[in-house]
């Protein structure tokens, strides 16, 4: 009986201390632990492919845990392996590569009704197989008036906009991106740092030339005019004899005039600029018939970047084989979503920096890249 009373007394003390830590002690000093998060494969690939992918991702997780010299403070470290959705990957790349990644995320402690819980993930470190640090989220594809649903695949002729270009080294390139969520006191700043391991002397992306950009947009503008003309015909048929028809047709003609003006300006540039001038990198905004000498001269300050399909090996039997590997980390630079507490995960970021995580993985993972 005395033993039972004594054990009960200890439990009361433990729970009291736990509550006090949540309410009275700075959570940023509370030690955490490593937590494995199990994910089931959300993919239709074969068991052998999934097993191969898991081996790659487990290898990365083991490498990071073995080399990091840090005990989590202010939160726990969750680590897992994830089968990534296809996202905005071009159709051509979906056919030949599978994407998957290993992930470490700092799960910061916070208080909720007197209990310690995990707040929204602030920092993480991810190793992504067969994908790049940026998505190709724009398409040149425009369905014309005679297109059918079977014709529509906006994921074929893709590109993206980059405000900063990657720094290219031999066998990899580095890329940094700043991002802010929210405004005012609730604004949360993040920095994304990427290192993408590639085939030596090759890159999986290309800067698009002005000439190619102009020619693609000239086609898009012409298709827009064709679509408007078809729409005008439908308006005439559906609104025949109605007062609003004249105003609607006038508005449609104004739209045609805008697109035709873009085409005329582009034709002038293609005719008057030299081959050297047209071979320079294209910038966002030039689709309206402008010509910018540098990205600083533009309003949007963005380069046009497209996939380099010639980089990839299309003859591999296994889509899981790494053709490119992107390692990246996100770390917070501001307050949390309550605007009251600085992130406690600076130690996690510092520990990754101290172990030279990018250099380590570039060295260890480079041999996995298939040629």
Protein backbone atom coordinates (compact mmCIF):
# COMPACT_ATOMS: atom_id res chain seq x y z
CA UNK A 1 0.00 0.00 0.00
CA UNK A 2 2.85 2.39 0.83
CA UNK A 3 4.44 1.63 -2.55
CA UNK A 4 1.21 2.54 -4.34
CA UNK A 5 0.92 5.82 -2.46
CA UNK A 6 4.56 6.61 -3.20
CA UNK A 7 4.13 5.89 -6.93
CA UNK A 8 1.02 8.07 -7.01
CA UNK A 9 2.97 10.86 -5.35
CA UNK A 10 5.70 10.60 -8.01
CA UNK A 11 3.14 10.73 -10.80
CA UNK A 12 1.63 13.90 -9.33
CA UNK A 13 5.08 15.48 -9.19
CA UNK A 14 5.86 14.48 -12.80
CA UNK A 15 2.60 15.84 -14.20
CA UNK A 16 2.96 19.01 -12.13
CA UNK A 17 6.45 19.58 -13.49
CA UNK A 18 5.22 18.88 -17.04
CA UNK A 19 2.49 21.48 -16.72
CA UNK A 20 4.89 23.95 -15.13
CA UNK A 21 7.32 23.50 -17.99
CA UNK A 22 4.59 24.34 -20.43
CA UNK A 23 3.30 27.32 -18.50
CA UNK A 24 6.28 28.69 -16.63
CA UNK A 25 9.47 27.57 -18.29
CA UNK A 26 10.74 28.90 -21.59
CA UNK A 27 9.92 26.17 -24.09
CA UNK A 28 12.94 27.16 -26.15
CA UNK A 29 15.18 25.45 -23.57
CA UNK A 30 13.20 22.22 -23.36
CA UNK A 31 14.98 19.20 -24.86
CA UNK A 32 13.17 17.24 -27.56
CA UNK A 33 13.77 13.98 -29.39
CA UNK A 34 13.91 12.39 -32.85
CA UNK A 35 10.57 11.08 -34.09
CA UNK A 36 10.16 8.79 -37.10
CA UNK A 37 6.98 9.56 -39.05
CA UNK A 38 5.71 6.61 -41.06
CA UNK A 39 4.15 7.35 -44.44
CA UNK A 40 2.50 4.83 -46.73
CA UNK A 41 3.45 5.05 -50.42
CA UNK A 42 0.86 7.09 -52.31
CA UNK A 43 1.97 5.83 -55.68
CA UNK A 44 0.96 3.25 -58.28
CA UNK A 45 4.53 2.09 -58.83
CA UNK A 46 5.66 -1.48 -58.38
CA UNK A 47 6.80 -2.88 -55.04
CA UNK A 48 10.34 -3.24 -56.37
CA UNK A 49 10.43 0.45 -57.39
CA UNK A 50 9.07 1.52 -54.01
CA UNK A 51 11.66 -0.62 -52.23
CA UNK A 52 14.45 0.94 -54.30
CA UNK A 53 13.19 4.44 -53.51
CA UNK A 54 12.98 3.61 -49.81
CA UNK A 55 16.59 2.44 -49.85
CA UNK A 56 17.72 5.78 -51.28
CA UNK A 57 15.71 7.77 -48.73
CA UNK A 58 16.68 5.61 -45.75
CA UNK A 59 20.31 6.09 -46.76
CA UNK A 60 19.95 9.87 -46.62
CA UNK A 61 18.16 9.74 -43.25
CA UNK A 62 20.87 7.54 -41.78
CA UNK A 63 23.63 9.77 -43.18
CA UNK A 64 22.14 12.93 -41.64
CA UNK A 65 21.43 11.37 -38.23
CA UNK A 66 24.88 9.81 -38.11
CA UNK A 67 26.69 13.08 -38.80
CA UNK A 68 24.61 15.72 -37.00
CA UNK A 69 25.96 16.67 -33.57
CA UNK A 70 22.92 18.16 -31.88
CA UNK A 71 20.20 17.23 -29.42
CA UNK A 72 16.86 18.86 -30.34
CA UNK A 73 16.08 21.85 -28.12
CA UNK A 74 12.80 23.74 -28.18
CA UNK A 75 11.09 21.06 -30.21
CA UNK A 76 11.30 17.59 -31.71
CA UNK A 77 12.82 16.54 -35.03
CA UNK A 78 10.44 14.55 -37.17
CA UNK A 79 11.98 12.57 -40.01
CA UNK A 80 10.24 10.57 -42.67
CA UNK A 81 10.24 9.39 -46.26
CA UNK A 82 7.60 10.71 -48.64
CA UNK A 83 6.36 9.70 -52.06
CA UNK A 84 5.88 13.03 -53.80
CA UNK A 85 2.97 13.88 -56.07
CA UNK A 86 3.69 14.80 -59.65
CA UNK A 87 2.88 18.47 -59.07
CA UNK A 88 3.61 20.76 -61.98
CA UNK A 89 6.22 18.57 -63.62
CA UNK A 90 6.25 18.58 -67.41
CA UNK A 91 4.60 15.55 -68.99
CA UNK A 92 7.86 14.51 -70.66
CA UNK A 93 9.59 14.17 -67.26
CA UNK A 94 6.71 12.37 -65.58
CA UNK A 95 7.11 9.61 -68.13
CA UNK A 96 10.76 8.90 -67.36
CA UNK A 97 11.36 9.79 -63.67
CA UNK A 98 9.66 9.28 -60.31
CA UNK A 99 9.98 11.83 -57.50
CA UNK A 100 10.38 10.99 -53.82
CA UNK A 101 12.14 12.53 -50.84
CA UNK A 102 13.46 12.16 -47.31
CA UNK A 103 12.56 14.91 -44.90
CA UNK A 104 13.66 16.29 -41.52
CA UNK A 105 11.42 18.91 -39.94
CA UNK A 106 11.75 20.86 -36.72
CA UNK A 107 8.46 20.56 -34.81
CA UNK A 108 8.59 23.49 -32.41
CA UNK A 109 7.06 23.20 -28.93
CA UNK A 110 4.16 25.46 -27.98
CA UNK A 111 1.53 25.53 -25.24
CA UNK A 112 -2.10 24.62 -25.76
CA UNK A 113 -4.43 24.47 -22.74
CA UNK A 114 -1.53 23.76 -20.42
CA UNK A 115 -0.06 21.01 -22.58
CA UNK A 116 3.03 20.93 -24.75
CA UNK A 117 2.14 20.43 -28.39
CA UNK A 118 3.87 20.86 -31.73
CA UNK A 119 3.26 24.13 -33.53
CA UNK A 120 3.38 24.63 -37.28
CA UNK A 121 6.62 23.38 -38.80
CA UNK A 122 9.09 26.22 -39.14
CA UNK A 123 12.31 24.70 -40.41
CA UNK A 124 13.00 21.58 -42.40
CA UNK A 125 15.67 19.87 -44.45
CA UNK A 126 14.67 17.81 -47.47
CA UNK A 127 16.47 15.67 -50.03
CA UNK A 128 14.40 15.45 -53.17
CA UNK A 129 15.10 12.87 -55.85
CA UNK A 130 14.43 13.62 -59.54
CA UNK A 131 13.16 17.17 -59.14
CA UNK A 132 14.49 20.72 -59.18
CA UNK A 133 14.30 23.61 -56.69
CA UNK A 134 11.75 25.36 -58.89
CA UNK A 135 8.54 24.21 -60.57
CA UNK A 136 7.81 24.78 -64.22
CA UNK A 137 4.49 26.44 -63.47
CA UNK A 138 3.80 28.34 -66.71
CA UNK A 139 2.79 26.89 -70.07
CA UNK A 140 3.00 28.14 -73.64
CA UNK A 141 0.23 25.79 -74.62
CA UNK A 142 -2.96 27.51 -75.77
CA UNK A 143 -5.94 25.47 -76.96
CA UNK A 144 -7.24 26.86 -80.22
CA UNK A 145 -10.89 27.09 -81.30
CA UNK A 146 -10.76 23.65 -82.91
CA UNK A 147 -9.05 21.87 -79.98
CA UNK A 148 -10.73 18.91 -78.31
CA UNK A 149 -10.28 17.67 -74.76
CA UNK A 150 -7.92 15.00 -76.07
CA UNK A 151 -5.65 17.73 -77.44
CA UNK A 152 -5.33 19.60 -74.17
CA UNK A 153 -2.13 18.98 -72.24
CA UNK A 154 -0.90 22.24 -70.75
CA UNK A 155 1.99 20.37 -69.11
CA UNK A 156 3.93 19.84 -72.33
CA UNK A 157 5.44 23.22 -73.21
CA UNK A 158 6.42 24.46 -69.75
CA UNK A 159 8.62 27.19 -68.33
CA UNK A 160 9.12 29.14 -65.11
CA UNK A 161 10.16 32.60 -63.95
CA UNK A 162 13.29 33.07 -61.83
CA UNK A 163 14.26 36.35 -60.22
CA UNK A 164 17.68 34.98 -59.28
CA UNK A 165 19.72 32.56 -61.32
CA UNK A 166 21.39 29.53 -59.70
CA UNK A 167 25.13 29.65 -59.07
CA UNK A 168 26.55 26.83 -61.18
CA UNK A 169 29.47 24.68 -60.02
CA UNK A 170 30.93 21.50 -61.43
CA UNK A 171 28.46 18.75 -60.59
CA UNK A 172 25.91 20.90 -58.78
CA UNK A 173 24.30 24.31 -58.56
CA UNK A 174 23.19 26.45 -55.59
CA UNK A 175 20.02 28.48 -55.39
CA UNK A 176 18.58 30.78 -52.68
CA UNK A 177 15.04 32.09 -52.41
CA UNK A 178 13.48 34.46 -49.86
CA UNK A 179 9.83 34.12 -48.95
CA UNK A 180 7.45 35.94 -46.58
CA UNK A 181 4.09 34.67 -45.35
CA UNK A 182 1.56 37.10 -43.91
CA UNK A 183 1.87 40.83 -43.22
CA UNK A 184 2.61 43.19 -40.34
CA UNK A 185 3.31 41.66 -36.92
CA UNK A 186 2.17 38.27 -38.21
CA UNK A 187 4.66 38.24 -41.08
CA UNK A 188 6.87 35.18 -41.10
CA UNK A 189 10.08 35.29 -43.09
CA UNK A 190 11.78 32.22 -44.51
CA UNK A 191 14.93 31.56 -46.47
CA UNK A 192 15.12 28.56 -48.80
CA UNK A 193 18.60 27.28 -49.63
CA UNK A 194 19.04 24.65 -52.33
CA UNK A 195 21.86 22.56 -53.69
CA UNK A 196 21.01 20.47 -56.74
CA UNK A 197 23.36 17.63 -57.68
CA UNK A 198 23.56 17.08 -61.44
CA UNK A 199 25.58 15.32 -64.09
CA UNK A 200 29.04 16.94 -64.47
CA UNK A 201 29.06 19.61 -67.14
CA UNK A 202 25.29 19.43 -67.70
CA UNK A 203 22.22 21.26 -66.42
CA UNK A 204 18.57 20.11 -66.38
CA UNK A 205 17.35 23.61 -67.24
CA UNK A 206 18.09 26.27 -69.85
CA UNK A 207 17.65 30.01 -70.13
CA UNK A 208 15.22 30.66 -72.96
CA UNK A 209 16.42 33.02 -75.69
CA UNK A 210 14.50 36.13 -76.63
CA UNK A 211 13.93 34.76 -80.13
CA UNK A 212 12.28 31.57 -78.89
CA UNK A 213 10.22 33.49 -76.32
CA UNK A 214 8.95 35.97 -78.90
CA UNK A 215 8.05 33.26 -81.38
CA UNK A 216 6.13 31.23 -78.81
CA UNK A 217 4.21 34.26 -77.61
CA UNK A 218 3.45 35.30 -81.18
CA UNK A 219 1.72 31.92 -81.63
CA UNK A 220 -0.16 32.34 -78.32
CA UNK A 221 -1.36 35.83 -79.32
CA UNK A 222 -2.57 34.55 -82.70
CA UNK A 223 -4.51 31.73 -81.01
CA UNK A 224 -6.11 34.21 -78.64
CA UNK A 225 -7.30 36.26 -81.63
CA UNK A 226 -8.71 33.11 -83.27
CA UNK A 227 -10.56 32.23 -80.06
CA UNK A 228 -12.02 35.74 -79.82
CA UNK A 229 -13.19 35.62 -83.44
CA UNK A 230 -14.99 32.35 -82.74
CA UNK A 231 -16.52 33.95 -79.64
CA UNK A 232 -17.73 36.91 -81.71
CA UNK A 233 -19.50 34.55 -84.07
CA UNK A 234 -21.27 32.90 -81.14
CA UNK A 235 -22.29 36.26 -79.73
CA UNK A 236 -23.78 37.26 -83.09
CA UNK A 237 -25.78 34.02 -83.19
CA UNK A 238 -26.90 34.08 -79.56
CA UNK A 239 -27.55 37.79 -79.14
CA UNK A 240 -28.91 38.65 -82.58
CA UNK A 241 -31.20 41.68 -82.36
CA UNK A 242 -30.29 42.52 -78.75
CA UNK A 243 -29.03 45.94 -77.70
CA UNK A 244 -25.94 44.69 -75.90
CA UNK A 245 -24.52 42.91 -78.98
CA UNK A 246 -22.88 46.04 -80.41
CA UNK A 247 -21.10 46.86 -77.12
CA UNK A 248 -19.91 43.28 -76.69
CA UNK A 249 -18.51 43.06 -80.22
CA UNK A 250 -16.77 46.41 -79.76
CA UNK A 251 -15.13 45.14 -76.59
CA UNK A 252 -14.00 41.95 -78.33
CA UNK A 253 -12.48 44.01 -81.15
CA UNK A 254 -10.54 45.98 -78.57
CA UNK A 255 -9.09 42.76 -77.20
CA UNK A 256 -8.13 41.71 -80.74
CA UNK A 257 -6.44 45.08 -81.19
CA UNK A 258 -4.35 44.57 -78.05
CA UNK A 259 -3.12 41.15 -79.15
CA UNK A 260 -2.51 42.32 -82.71
CA UNK A 261 -0.44 45.21 -81.35
CA UNK A 262 1.70 42.75 -79.41
CA UNK A 263 2.21 40.70 -82.60
CA UNK A 264 3.15 43.77 -84.61
CA UNK A 265 5.70 44.87 -82.01
CA UNK A 266 7.17 41.37 -81.81
CA UNK A 267 7.42 41.20 -85.63
CA UNK A 268 9.32 44.48 -85.55
CA UNK A 269 11.78 43.17 -82.98
CA UNK A 270 12.34 39.89 -84.84
CA UNK A 271 12.96 41.85 -88.03
CA UNK A 272 15.21 44.60 -86.69
CA UNK A 273 17.26 42.96 -83.94
CA UNK A 274 20.44 41.06 -84.76
CA UNK A 275 20.87 37.33 -84.19
CA UNK A 276 23.18 38.10 -81.27
CA UNK A 277 20.59 40.39 -79.66
CA UNK A 278 17.85 37.78 -80.08
CA UNK A 279 20.06 35.06 -78.58
CA UNK A 280 20.20 36.86 -75.22
CA UNK A 281 18.10 35.63 -72.25
CA UNK A 282 14.37 36.40 -72.37
CA UNK A 283 12.66 38.29 -69.54
CA UNK A 284 9.11 38.39 -68.25
CA UNK A 285 7.24 41.31 -69.90
CA UNK A 286 8.80 40.90 -73.33
CA UNK A 287 5.76 38.90 -74.45
CA UNK A 288 4.00 42.24 -74.90
CA UNK A 289 6.47 43.30 -77.56
CA UNK A 290 9.10 44.90 -75.35
CA UNK A 291 12.86 44.40 -75.57
CA UNK A 292 14.89 44.66 -72.36
CA UNK A 293 18.68 44.81 -72.26
CA UNK A 294 18.83 43.37 -68.72
CA UNK A 295 16.58 41.87 -66.09
CA UNK A 296 17.03 45.01 -63.97
CA UNK A 297 15.30 47.03 -66.70
CA UNK A 298 12.13 44.97 -66.47
CA UNK A 299 9.13 45.47 -64.21
CA UNK A 300 8.96 41.85 -63.06
CA UNK A 301 12.73 41.20 -62.97
CA UNK A 302 12.42 37.57 -63.92
CA UNK A 303 14.30 35.29 -66.31
CA UNK A 304 12.48 32.75 -68.49
CA UNK A 305 13.75 29.24 -67.70
CA UNK A 306 12.71 26.01 -69.43
CA UNK A 307 13.48 22.30 -68.89
CA UNK A 308 16.50 20.92 -70.70
CA UNK A 309 15.06 17.63 -71.97
CA UNK A 310 18.38 16.70 -73.60
CA UNK A 311 19.87 16.41 -70.10
CA UNK A 312 17.81 13.32 -69.24
CA UNK A 313 18.42 9.68 -70.06
CA UNK A 314 15.22 8.28 -71.61
CA UNK A 315 16.48 4.69 -71.83
CA UNK A 316 16.54 3.71 -68.16
CA UNK A 317 14.48 0.73 -67.06
CA UNK A 318 13.83 2.15 -63.60
CA UNK A 319 12.10 5.55 -63.20
CA UNK A 320 13.46 5.70 -59.64
CA UNK A 321 17.07 6.00 -60.81
CA UNK A 322 18.30 9.44 -59.69
CA UNK A 323 19.01 11.76 -62.60
CA UNK A 324 19.03 14.86 -60.41
CA UNK A 325 18.96 15.29 -56.59
CA UNK A 326 17.97 18.51 -54.82
CA UNK A 327 18.89 19.07 -51.16
CA UNK A 328 17.29 22.07 -49.51
CA UNK A 329 16.55 23.65 -46.17
CA UNK A 330 14.05 26.24 -45.01
CA UNK A 331 14.71 28.27 -41.90
CA UNK A 332 12.63 30.98 -40.26
CA UNK A 333 13.91 34.54 -40.03
CA UNK A 334 11.01 36.17 -38.16
CA UNK A 335 8.32 35.52 -35.58
CA UNK A 336 5.80 32.75 -35.39
CA UNK A 337 2.19 33.13 -36.47
CA UNK A 338 1.29 34.84 -33.19
CA UNK A 339 4.01 37.40 -33.77
CA UNK A 340 5.28 36.95 -30.21
CA UNK A 341 8.05 34.38 -30.21
CA UNK A 342 11.23 33.94 -32.19
CA UNK A 343 11.74 30.48 -33.63
CA UNK A 344 13.60 28.10 -31.36
CA UNK A 345 15.06 26.09 -34.19
CA UNK A 346 18.16 28.16 -34.85
CA UNK A 347 20.07 25.29 -33.26
CA UNK A 348 18.75 22.87 -35.88
CA UNK A 349 19.83 25.15 -38.70
CA UNK A 350 23.23 25.76 -37.07
CA UNK A 351 23.75 22.03 -36.56
CA UNK A 352 23.12 21.41 -40.26
CA UNK A 353 25.53 24.21 -41.15
CA UNK A 354 28.20 22.88 -38.77
CA UNK A 355 28.08 19.43 -40.35
CA UNK A 356 28.37 21.06 -43.81
CA UNK A 357 25.24 19.23 -44.86
CA UNK A 358 25.27 20.38 -48.48
CA UNK A 359 28.92 19.43 -49.02
CA UNK A 360 28.40 16.08 -47.29
CA UNK A 361 25.39 15.07 -49.37
CA UNK A 362 26.92 16.38 -52.60
CA UNK A 363 29.92 14.11 -51.96
CA UNK A 364 27.92 11.06 -50.90
CA UNK A 365 25.03 11.32 -53.36
CA UNK A 366 26.87 12.37 -56.53
CA UNK A 367 27.81 8.75 -57.36
CA UNK A 368 24.08 7.88 -57.42
CA UNK A 369 23.40 10.18 -60.39
CA UNK A 370 22.95 8.08 -63.51
CA UNK A 371 24.49 9.32 -66.75
